Amino acid sequence: MSSYPILYLACILAGFALIRVPLQGFLAPLEPLTFIVGVLSILLFSCVIIVDGVMSLIGKRR
């Protein structure tokens, strides 16, 4: 069993953390950027997990 799916899940959790992080003070202007990066990381690593699962089901393992 590869440890990459666990790493991908950790990246998805980090994306959720970026969405939920409250930025105050001089970091407040970066809040839209952290939201976008969080959403992109969630979408990217979710798609990677789905593709990895489909490839495993059809037998074409990397």
C-alpha atoms as a PDB file:
ATOM      1  CA  MET A   1       0.000   0.000   0.000  1.00  0.00           C
ATOM      2  CA  SER A   2       1.363   3.342  -1.002  1.00  0.00           C
ATOM      3  CA  SER A   3       1.404   6.185   1.518  1.00  0.00           C
ATOM      4  CA  TYR A   4       0.481   8.741  -1.134  1.00  0.00           C
ATOM      5  CA  PRO A   5      -3.303   8.613  -0.522  1.00  0.00           C
ATOM      6  CA  ILE A   6      -2.687   9.607   3.097  1.00  0.00           C
ATOM      7  CA  LEU A   7      -0.545  12.496   1.880  1.00  0.00           C
ATOM      8  CA  TYR A   8      -3.302  13.540  -0.530  1.00  0.00           C
ATOM      9  CA  LEU A   9      -5.858  13.488   2.289  1.00  0.00           C
ATOM     10  CA  ALA A  10      -3.522  15.620   4.404  1.00  0.00           C
ATOM     11  CA  CYS A  11      -3.305  18.114   1.532  1.00  0.00           C
ATOM     12  CA  ILE A  12      -7.107  18.236   1.319  1.00  0.00           C
ATOM     13  CA  LEU A  13      -7.275  18.952   5.058  1.00  0.00           C
ATOM     14  CA  ALA A  14      -4.679  21.694   4.616  1.00  0.00           C
ATOM     15  CA  GLY A  15      -6.889  23.190   1.910  1.00  0.00           C
ATOM     16  CA  PHE A  16      -9.822  23.265   4.311  1.00  0.00           C
ATOM     17  CA  ALA A  17      -7.573  24.902   6.898  1.00  0.00           C
ATOM     18  CA  LEU A  18      -6.615  27.599   4.395  1.00  0.00           C
ATOM     19  CA  ILE A  19     -10.276  28.309   3.724  1.00  0.00           C
ATOM     20  CA  ARG A  20     -11.126  28.582   7.413  1.00  0.00           C
ATOM     21  CA  VAL A  21      -8.067  30.562   8.619  1.00  0.00           C
ATOM     22  CA  PRO A  22      -8.973  34.015   9.980  1.00  0.00           C
ATOM     23  CA  LEU A  23      -6.518  36.625   8.753  1.00  0.00           C
ATOM     24  CA  GLN A  24      -6.345  39.899  10.618  1.00  0.00           C
ATOM     25  CA  GLY A  25      -4.110  42.908  10.623  1.00  0.00           C
ATOM     26  CA  PHE A  26      -1.643  43.318   7.800  1.00  0.00           C
ATOM     27  CA  LEU A  27      -2.466  39.814   6.466  1.00  0.00           C
ATOM     28  CA  ALA A  28      -6.150  40.659   5.898  1.00  0.00           C
ATOM     29  CA  PRO A  29      -5.643  41.616   2.216  1.00  0.00           C
ATOM     30  CA  LEU A  30      -4.346  38.078   1.572  1.00  0.00           C
ATOM     31  CA  GLU A  31      -7.611  36.431   2.633  1.00  0.00           C
ATOM     32  CA  PRO A  32      -9.026  36.091  -0.928  1.00  0.00           C
ATOM     33  CA  LEU A  33      -5.743  34.537  -2.052  1.00  0.00           C
ATOM     34  CA  THR A  34      -5.742  31.967   0.759  1.00  0.00           C
ATOM     35  CA  PHE A  35      -9.359  31.108  -0.053  1.00  0.00           C
ATOM     36  CA  ILE A  36      -8.532  30.534  -3.733  1.00  0.00           C
ATOM     37  CA  VAL A  37      -5.439  28.467  -2.920  1.00  0.00           C
ATOM     38  CA  GLY A  38      -7.458  26.408  -0.432  1.00  0.00           C
ATOM     39  CA  VAL A  39     -10.230  25.681  -2.925  1.00  0.00           C
ATOM     40  CA  LEU A  40      -7.742  24.796  -5.662  1.00  0.00           C
ATOM     41  CA  SER A  41      -5.820  22.428  -3.397  1.00  0.00           C
ATOM     42  CA  ILE A  42      -9.037  20.688  -2.325  1.00  0.00           C
ATOM     43  CA  LEU A  43     -10.174  20.276  -5.934  1.00  0.00           C
ATOM     44  CA  LEU A  44      -6.762  19.188  -7.219  1.00  0.00           C
ATOM     45  CA  PHE A  45      -6.039  16.556  -4.608  1.00  0.00           C
ATOM     46  CA  SER A  46      -9.620  15.258  -4.658  1.00  0.00           C
ATOM     47  CA  CYS A  47      -9.304  14.721  -8.407  1.00  0.00           C
ATOM     48  CA  VAL A  48      -5.935  13.014  -7.913  1.00  0.00           C
ATOM     49  CA  ILE A  49      -7.456  10.597  -5.395  1.00  0.00           C
ATOM     50  CA  ILE A  50     -10.357   9.851  -7.762  1.00  0.00           C
ATOM     51  CA  VAL A  51      -8.038   9.250 -10.733  1.00  0.00           C
ATOM     52  CA  ASP A  52      -5.760   7.075  -8.595  1.00  0.00           C
ATOM     53  CA  GLY A  53      -8.763   5.005  -7.494  1.00  0.00           C
ATOM     54  CA  VAL A  54     -10.048   4.581 -11.042  1.00  0.00           C
ATOM     55  CA  MET A  55      -6.598   3.578 -12.280  1.00  0.00           C
ATOM     56  CA  SER A  56      -6.380   1.047  -9.473  1.00  0.00           C
ATOM     57  CA  LEU A  57      -9.787  -0.375 -10.400  1.00  0.00           C
ATOM     58  CA  ILE A  58      -8.905  -0.870 -14.060  1.00  0.00           C
ATOM     59  CA  GLY A  59      -5.526  -2.337 -13.151  1.00  0.00           C
ATOM     60  CA  LYS A  60      -3.178   0.284 -14.540  1.00  0.00           C
ATOM     61  CA  ARG A  61      -1.099   0.974 -11.462  1.00  0.00           C
ATOM     62  CA  ARG A  62       1.775   3.470 -11.662  1.00  0.00           C
END
